[in-house]
Amino acid sequence: MDRILDLKGLQCPLPVLRARKALLALGPGEVIVVLATDPAARDDFPRFCSEAGHVLEEASEAGGVLTFRLRKGKL
């Protein structure tokens, strides 16, 4: 079962910072699902994953909620 991190209502840069902190607690290959409502997250999460070595497996939006499925890299 994936861990879910509900960051709805938080504004940039808090969603990425909180997701980064949560990923630190995970082992390589583990997954976290992030829920966010800040439109900036559409750009922030792909950039964060690319720069930090994580994999953005899925990004979607429904009802104003952005969902990102992140797999921790092997760092």
PDB file of N, CA and C in Angstrom:
ATOM      1  N   MET A   1       0.842  -1.182   0.000  1.00  0.00           N
ATOM      2  CA  MET A   1       0.000   0.000   0.000  1.00  0.00           C
ATOM      3  C   MET A   1       0.890   1.250   0.000  1.00  0.00           C
ATOM      4  N   ASP A   2       0.586   2.187  -0.874  1.00  0.00           N
ATOM      5  CA  ASP A   2       1.368   3.414  -0.981  1.00  0.00           C
ATOM      6  C   ASP A   2       1.068   4.357   0.176  1.00  0.00           C
ATOM      7  N   ARG A   3       2.090   5.085   0.589  1.00  0.00           N
ATOM      8  CA  ARG A   3       1.902   6.143   1.584  1.00  0.00           C
ATOM      9  C   ARG A   3       1.298   7.347   0.877  1.00  0.00           C
ATOM     10  N   ILE A   4       0.359   7.994   1.514  1.00  0.00           N
ATOM     11  CA  ILE A   4      -0.283   9.172   0.938  1.00  0.00           C
ATOM     12  C   ILE A   4       0.078  10.383   1.791  1.00  0.00           C
ATOM     13  N   LEU A   5       0.530  11.427   1.111  1.00  0.00           N
ATOM     14  CA  LEU A   5       0.904  12.672   1.770  1.00  0.00           C
ATOM     15  C   LEU A   5      -0.059  13.746   1.268  1.00  0.00           C
ATOM     16  N   ASP A   6      -0.977  14.157   2.131  1.00  0.00           N
ATOM     17  CA  ASP A   6      -2.000  15.137   1.766  1.00  0.00           C
ATOM     18  C   ASP A   6      -1.471  16.540   2.036  1.00  0.00           C
ATOM     19  N   LEU A   7      -1.131  17.243   0.956  1.00  0.00           N
ATOM     20  CA  LEU A   7      -0.568  18.589   1.059  1.00  0.00           C
ATOM     21  C   LEU A   7      -1.495  19.623   0.440  1.00  0.00           C
ATOM     22  N   LYS A   8      -2.766  19.275   0.353  1.00  0.00           N
ATOM     23  CA  LYS A   8      -3.742  20.204  -0.225  1.00  0.00           C
ATOM     24  C   LYS A   8      -3.803  21.476   0.616  1.00  0.00           C
ATOM     25  N   GLY A   9      -3.876  22.616  -0.063  1.00  0.00           N
ATOM     26  CA  GLY A   9      -3.976  23.897   0.616  1.00  0.00           C
ATOM     27  C   GLY A   9      -2.637  24.577   0.867  1.00  0.00           C
ATOM     28  N   LEU A  10      -1.540  23.840   0.730  1.00  0.00           N
ATOM     29  CA  LEU A  10      -0.221  24.435   0.928  1.00  0.00           C
ATOM     30  C   LEU A  10       0.258  25.080  -0.369  1.00  0.00           C
ATOM     31  N   GLN A  11       0.980  26.180  -0.235  1.00  0.00           N
ATOM     32  CA  GLN A  11       1.485  26.906  -1.399  1.00  0.00           C
ATOM     33  C   GLN A  11       2.983  26.648  -1.569  1.00  0.00           C
ATOM     34  N   CYS A  12       3.455  26.837  -2.788  1.00  0.00           N
ATOM     35  CA  CYS A  12       4.858  26.694  -3.147  1.00  0.00           C
ATOM     36  C   CYS A  12       5.722  27.515  -2.184  1.00  0.00           C
ATOM     37  N   PRO A  13       6.789  26.966  -1.700  1.00  0.00           N
ATOM     38  CA  PRO A  13       7.438  25.690  -2.022  1.00  0.00           C
ATOM     39  C   PRO A  13       7.108  24.568  -1.038  1.00  0.00           C
ATOM     40  N   LEU A  14       6.144  24.783  -0.156  1.00  0.00           N
ATOM     41  CA  LEU A  14       5.873  23.799   0.901  1.00  0.00           C
ATOM     42  C   LEU A  14       5.548  22.390   0.406  1.00  0.00           C
ATOM     43  N   PRO A  15       4.729  22.193  -0.640  1.00  0.00           N
ATOM     44  CA  PRO A  15       4.467  20.809  -1.053  1.00  0.00           C
ATOM     45  C   PRO A  15       5.740  20.029  -1.397  1.00  0.00           C
ATOM     46  N   VAL A  16       6.637  20.637  -2.152  1.00  0.00           N
ATOM     47  CA  VAL A  16       7.871  19.939  -2.516  1.00  0.00           C
ATOM     48  C   VAL A  16       8.759  19.728  -1.288  1.00  0.00           C
ATOM     49  N   LEU A  17       8.846  20.719  -0.423  1.00  0.00           N
ATOM     50  CA  LEU A  17       9.676  20.566   0.779  1.00  0.00           C
ATOM     51  C   LEU A  17       9.161  19.451   1.682  1.00  0.00           C
ATOM     52  N   ARG A  18       7.860  19.372   1.848  1.00  0.00           N
ATOM     53  CA  ARG A  18       7.279  18.306   2.694  1.00  0.00           C
ATOM     54  C   ARG A  18       7.451  16.933   2.039  1.00  0.00           C
ATOM     55  N   ALA A  19       7.291  16.878   0.714  1.00  0.00           N
ATOM     56  CA  ALA A  19       7.491  15.607   0.006  1.00  0.00           C
ATOM     57  C   ALA A  19       8.948  15.164   0.113  1.00  0.00           C
ATOM     58  N   ARG A  20       9.866  16.112  -0.005  1.00  0.00           N
ATOM     59  CA  ARG A  20      11.293  15.807   0.123  1.00  0.00           C
ATOM     60  C   ARG A  20      11.580  15.199   1.494  1.00  0.00           C
ATOM     61  N   LYS A  21      11.033  15.797   2.519  1.00  0.00           N
ATOM     62  CA  LYS A  21      11.232  15.292   3.884  1.00  0.00           C
ATOM     63  C   LYS A  21      10.655  13.883   4.026  1.00  0.00           C
ATOM     64  N   ALA A  22       9.473  13.655   3.480  1.00  0.00           N
ATOM     65  CA  ALA A  22       8.843  12.329   3.562  1.00  0.00           C
ATOM     66  C   ALA A  22       9.671  11.289   2.811  1.00  0.00           C
ATOM     67  N   LEU A  23      10.238  11.665   1.668  1.00  0.00           N
ATOM     68  CA  LEU A  23      11.052  10.724   0.893  1.00  0.00           C
ATOM     69  C   LEU A  23      12.329  10.341   1.629  1.00  0.00           C
ATOM     70  N   LEU A  24      12.848  11.238   2.441  1.00  0.00           N
ATOM     71  CA  LEU A  24      14.052  10.924   3.210  1.00  0.00           C
ATOM     72  C   LEU A  24      13.837   9.732   4.137  1.00  0.00           C
ATOM     73  N   ALA A  25      12.620   9.551   4.591  1.00  0.00           N
ATOM     74  CA  ALA A  25      12.296   8.465   5.518  1.00  0.00           C
ATOM     75  C   ALA A  25      12.050   7.134   4.802  1.00  0.00           C
ATOM     76  N   LEU A  26      12.004   7.158   3.476  1.00  0.00           N
ATOM     77  CA  LEU A  26      11.721   5.946   2.709  1.00  0.00           C
ATOM     78  C   LEU A  26      13.005   5.300   2.215  1.00  0.00           C
ATOM     79  N   GLY A  27      12.903   4.016   1.919  1.00  0.00           N
ATOM     80  CA  GLY A  27      14.026   3.314   1.316  1.00  0.00           C
ATOM     81  C   GLY A  27      13.965   3.438  -0.196  1.00  0.00           C
ATOM     82  N   PRO A  28      15.086   3.183  -0.879  1.00  0.00           N
ATOM     83  CA  PRO A  28      15.105   3.249  -2.335  1.00  0.00           C
ATOM     84  C   PRO A  28      14.013   2.373  -2.952  1.00  0.00           C
ATOM     85  N   GLY A  29      13.312   2.921  -3.928  1.00  0.00           N
ATOM     86  CA  GLY A  29      12.267   2.176  -4.616  1.00  0.00           C
ATOM     87  C   GLY A  29      10.896   2.274  -3.974  1.00  0.00           C
ATOM     88  N   GLU A  30      10.825   2.803  -2.750  1.00  0.00           N
ATOM     89  CA  GLU A  30       9.521   2.948  -2.108  1.00  0.00           C
ATOM     90  C   GLU A  30       8.763   4.109  -2.735  1.00  0.00           C
ATOM     91  N   VAL A  31       7.436   4.076  -2.597  1.00  0.00           N
ATOM     92  CA  VAL A  31       6.562   5.025  -3.282  1.00  0.00           C
ATOM     93  C   VAL A  31       5.781   5.869  -2.290  1.00  0.00           C
ATOM     94  N   ILE A  32       5.588   7.125  -2.675  1.00  0.00           N
ATOM     95  CA  ILE A  32       4.716   8.025  -1.926  1.00  0.00           C
ATOM     96  C   ILE A  32       3.786   8.702  -2.936  1.00  0.00           C
ATOM     97  N   VAL A  33       2.536   8.867  -2.549  1.00  0.00           N
ATOM     98  CA  VAL A  33       1.560   9.571  -3.377  1.00  0.00           C
ATOM     99  C   VAL A  33       1.292  10.917  -2.721  1.00  0.00           C
ATOM    100  N   VAL A  34       1.487  11.984  -3.486  1.00  0.00           N
ATOM    101  CA  VAL A  34       1.330  13.335  -2.978  1.00  0.00           C
ATOM    102  C   VAL A  34       0.072  13.952  -3.566  1.00  0.00           C
ATOM    103  N   LEU A  35      -0.756  14.534  -2.710  1.00  0.00           N
ATOM    104  CA  LEU A  35      -1.949  15.270  -3.125  1.00  0.00           C
ATOM    105  C   LEU A  35      -1.690  16.750  -2.877  1.00  0.00           C
ATOM    106  N   ALA A  36      -1.897  17.572  -3.907  1.00  0.00           N
ATOM    107  CA  ALA A  36      -1.631  19.005  -3.786  1.00  0.00           C
ATOM    108  C   ALA A  36      -2.679  19.789  -4.565  1.00  0.00           C
ATOM    109  N   THR A  37      -2.850  21.045  -4.189  1.00  0.00           N
ATOM    110  CA  THR A  37      -3.792  21.909  -4.903  1.00  0.00           C
ATOM    111  C   THR A  37      -3.114  23.144  -5.493  1.00  0.00           C
ATOM    112  N   ASP A  38      -1.864  23.381  -5.160  1.00  0.00           N
ATOM    113  CA  ASP A  38      -1.145  24.537  -5.687  1.00  0.00           C
ATOM    114  C   ASP A  38      -0.808  24.297  -7.155  1.00  0.00           C
ATOM    115  N   PRO A  39      -1.291  25.153  -8.070  1.00  0.00           N
ATOM    116  CA  PRO A  39      -1.012  24.956  -9.499  1.00  0.00           C
ATOM    117  C   PRO A  39       0.482  24.900  -9.824  1.00  0.00           C
ATOM    118  N   ALA A  40       1.316  25.545  -9.034  1.00  0.00           N
ATOM    119  CA  ALA A  40       2.762  25.513  -9.280  1.00  0.00           C
ATOM    120  C   ALA A  40       3.337  24.109  -9.139  1.00  0.00           C
ATOM    121  N   ALA A  41       2.638  23.243  -8.432  1.00  0.00           N
ATOM    122  CA  ALA A  41       3.114  21.869  -8.240  1.00  0.00           C
ATOM    123  C   ALA A  41       3.239  21.122  -9.560  1.00  0.00           C
ATOM    124  N   ARG A  42       2.454  21.510 -10.572  1.00  0.00           N
ATOM    125  CA  ARG A  42       2.543  20.864 -11.892  1.00  0.00           C
ATOM    126  C   ARG A  42       3.967  20.925 -12.442  1.00  0.00           C
ATOM    127  N   ASP A  43       4.632  22.037 -12.206  1.00  0.00           N
ATOM    128  CA  ASP A  43       6.014  22.207 -12.667  1.00  0.00           C
ATOM    129  C   ASP A  43       7.026  21.794 -11.608  1.00  0.00           C
ATOM    130  N   ASP A  44       6.692  22.044 -10.348  1.00  0.00           N
ATOM    131  CA  ASP A  44       7.643  21.803  -9.263  1.00  0.00           C
ATOM    132  C   ASP A  44       8.001  20.331  -9.076  1.00  0.00           C
ATOM    133  N   PHE A  45       7.018  19.441  -9.114  1.00  0.00           N
ATOM    134  CA  PHE A  45       7.309  18.037  -8.830  1.00  0.00           C
ATOM    135  C   PHE A  45       8.131  17.359  -9.918  1.00  0.00           C
ATOM    136  N   PRO A  46       7.826  17.563 -11.211  1.00  0.00           N
ATOM    137  CA  PRO A  46       8.711  16.969 -12.226  1.00  0.00           C
ATOM    138  C   PRO A  46      10.155  17.476 -12.109  1.00  0.00           C
ATOM    139  N   ARG A  47      10.315  18.772 -11.857  1.00  0.00           N
ATOM    140  CA  ARG A  47      11.660  19.351 -11.707  1.00  0.00           C
ATOM    141  C   ARG A  47      12.361  18.764 -10.484  1.00  0.00           C
ATOM    142  N   PHE A  48      11.650  18.710  -9.371  1.00  0.00           N
ATOM    143  CA  PHE A  48      12.217  18.153  -8.137  1.00  0.00           C
ATOM    144  C   PHE A  48      12.685  16.715  -8.356  1.00  0.00           C
ATOM    145  N   CYS A  49      11.845  15.883  -8.953  1.00  0.00           N
ATOM    146  CA  CYS A  49      12.207  14.476  -9.160  1.00  0.00           C
ATOM    147  C   CYS A  49      13.424  14.357 -10.067  1.00  0.00           C
ATOM    148  N   SER A  50      13.453  15.131 -11.119  1.00  0.00           N
ATOM    149  CA  SER A  50      14.573  15.100 -12.050  1.00  0.00           C
ATOM    150  C   SER A  50      15.875  15.509 -11.360  1.00  0.00           C
ATOM    151  N   GLU A  51      15.826  16.556 -10.585  1.00  0.00           N
ATOM    152  CA  GLU A  51      17.030  17.062  -9.921  1.00  0.00           C
ATOM    153  C   GLU A  51      17.479  16.180  -8.761  1.00  0.00           C
ATOM    154  N   ALA A  52      16.526  15.546  -8.076  1.00  0.00           N
ATOM    155  CA  ALA A  52      16.855  14.766  -6.875  1.00  0.00           C
ATOM    156  C   ALA A  52      17.067  13.278  -7.158  1.00  0.00           C
ATOM    157  N   GLY A  53      16.820  12.847  -8.397  1.00  0.00           N
ATOM    158  CA  GLY A  53      17.040  11.445  -8.736  1.00  0.00           C
ATOM    159  C   GLY A  53      15.886  10.520  -8.415  1.00  0.00           C
ATOM    160  N   HIS A  54      14.701  11.090  -8.214  1.00  0.00           N
ATOM    161  CA  HIS A  54      13.511  10.274  -7.970  1.00  0.00           C
ATOM    162  C   HIS A  54      12.745  10.106  -9.283  1.00  0.00           C
ATOM    163  N   VAL A  55      11.780   9.197  -9.286  1.00  0.00           N
ATOM    164  CA  VAL A  55      10.998   8.946 -10.489  1.00  0.00           C
ATOM    165  C   VAL A  55       9.568   9.435 -10.276  1.00  0.00           C
ATOM    166  N   LEU A  56       9.109  10.295 -11.156  1.00  0.00           N
ATOM    167  CA  LEU A  56       7.710  10.711 -11.147  1.00  0.00           C
ATOM    168  C   LEU A  56       6.970   9.710 -12.014  1.00  0.00           C
ATOM    169  N   GLU A  57       6.310   8.740 -11.375  1.00  0.00           N
ATOM    170  CA  GLU A  57       5.662   7.662 -12.110  1.00  0.00           C
ATOM    171  C   GLU A  57       4.331   8.074 -12.711  1.00  0.00           C
ATOM    172  N   GLU A  58       3.663   9.012 -12.053  1.00  0.00           N
ATOM    173  CA  GLU A  58       2.338   9.410 -12.518  1.00  0.00           C
ATOM    174  C   GLU A  58       2.021  10.804 -12.005  1.00  0.00           C
ATOM    175  N   ALA A  59       1.352  11.566 -12.853  1.00  0.00           N
ATOM    176  CA  ALA A  59       0.854  12.885 -12.456  1.00  0.00           C
ATOM    177  C   ALA A  59      -0.524  13.033 -13.073  1.00  0.00           C
ATOM    178  N   SER A  60      -1.505  13.388 -12.251  1.00  0.00           N
ATOM    179  CA  SER A  60      -2.864  13.544 -12.755  1.00  0.00           C
ATOM    180  C   SER A  60      -3.568  14.645 -11.977  1.00  0.00           C
ATOM    181  N   GLU A  61      -4.725  15.038 -12.500  1.00  0.00           N
ATOM    182  CA  GLU A  61      -5.523  16.065 -11.838  1.00  0.00           C
ATOM    183  C   GLU A  61      -6.988  15.697 -11.938  1.00  0.00           C
ATOM    184  N   ALA A  62      -7.697  15.841 -10.842  1.00  0.00           N
ATOM    185  CA  ALA A  62      -9.138  15.587 -10.810  1.00  0.00           C
ATOM    186  C   ALA A  62      -9.756  16.480  -9.747  1.00  0.00           C
ATOM    187  N   GLY A  63     -10.761  17.233 -10.131  1.00  0.00           N
ATOM    188  CA  GLY A  63     -11.467  18.076  -9.174  1.00  0.00           C
ATOM    189  C   GLY A  63     -10.591  19.111  -8.506  1.00  0.00           C
ATOM    190  N   GLY A  64      -9.573  19.600  -9.212  1.00  0.00           N
ATOM    191  CA  GLY A  64      -8.688  20.606  -8.645  1.00  0.00           C
ATOM    192  C   GLY A  64      -7.588  20.057  -7.756  1.00  0.00           C
ATOM    193  N   VAL A  65      -7.525  18.734  -7.622  1.00  0.00           N
ATOM    194  CA  VAL A  65      -6.481  18.107  -6.809  1.00  0.00           C
ATOM    195  C   VAL A  65      -5.469  17.444  -7.739  1.00  0.00           C
ATOM    196  N   LEU A  66      -4.223  17.825  -7.564  1.00  0.00           N
ATOM    197  CA  LEU A  66      -3.122  17.232  -8.322  1.00  0.00           C
ATOM    198  C   LEU A  66      -2.596  16.033  -7.542  1.00  0.00           C
ATOM    199  N   THR A  67      -2.365  14.934  -8.245  1.00  0.00           N
ATOM    200  CA  THR A  67      -1.850  13.721  -7.622  1.00  0.00           C
ATOM    201  C   THR A  67      -0.539  13.344  -8.296  1.00  0.00           C
ATOM    202  N   PHE A  68       0.488  13.128  -7.482  1.00  0.00           N
ATOM    203  CA  PHE A  68       1.805  12.755  -7.980  1.00  0.00           C
ATOM    204  C   PHE A  68       2.235  11.472  -7.293  1.00  0.00           C
ATOM    205  N   ARG A  69       2.643  10.511  -8.092  1.00  0.00           N
ATOM    206  CA  ARG A  69       3.159   9.240  -7.561  1.00  0.00           C
ATOM    207  C   ARG A  69       4.676   9.264  -7.749  1.00  0.00           C
ATOM    208  N   LEU A  70       5.394   9.318  -6.619  1.00  0.00           N
ATOM    209  CA  LEU A  70       6.840   9.447  -6.634  1.00  0.00           C
ATOM    210  C   LEU A  70       7.495   8.165  -6.136  1.00  0.00           C
ATOM    211  N   ARG A  71       8.495   7.692  -6.867  1.00  0.00           N
ATOM    212  CA  ARG A  71       9.275   6.537  -6.420  1.00  0.00           C
ATOM    213  C   ARG A  71      10.672   7.032  -6.042  1.00  0.00           C
ATOM    214  N   LYS A  72      11.078   6.731  -4.820  1.00  0.00           N
ATOM    215  CA  LYS A  72      12.372   7.208  -4.333  1.00  0.00           C
ATOM    216  C   LYS A  72      13.499   6.595  -5.145  1.00  0.00           C
ATOM    217  N   GLY A  73      14.441   7.445  -5.534  1.00  0.00           N
ATOM    218  CA  GLY A  73      15.605   6.996  -6.277  1.00  0.00           C
ATOM    219  C   GLY A  73      16.575   6.242  -5.389  1.00  0.00           C
ATOM    220  N   LYS A  74      17.652   5.809  -5.982  1.00  0.00           N
ATOM    221  CA  LYS A  74      18.636   4.978  -5.275  1.00  0.00           C
ATOM    222  C   LYS A  74      19.742   5.796  -4.648  1.00  0.00           C
ATOM    223  N   LEU A  75      19.429   7.026  -4.283  1.00  0.00           N
ATOM    224  CA  LEU A  75      20.442   7.908  -3.679  1.00  0.00           C
ATOM    225  C   LEU A  75      20.721   7.538  -2.250  1.00  0.00           C
TER     226      LEU A  75
END
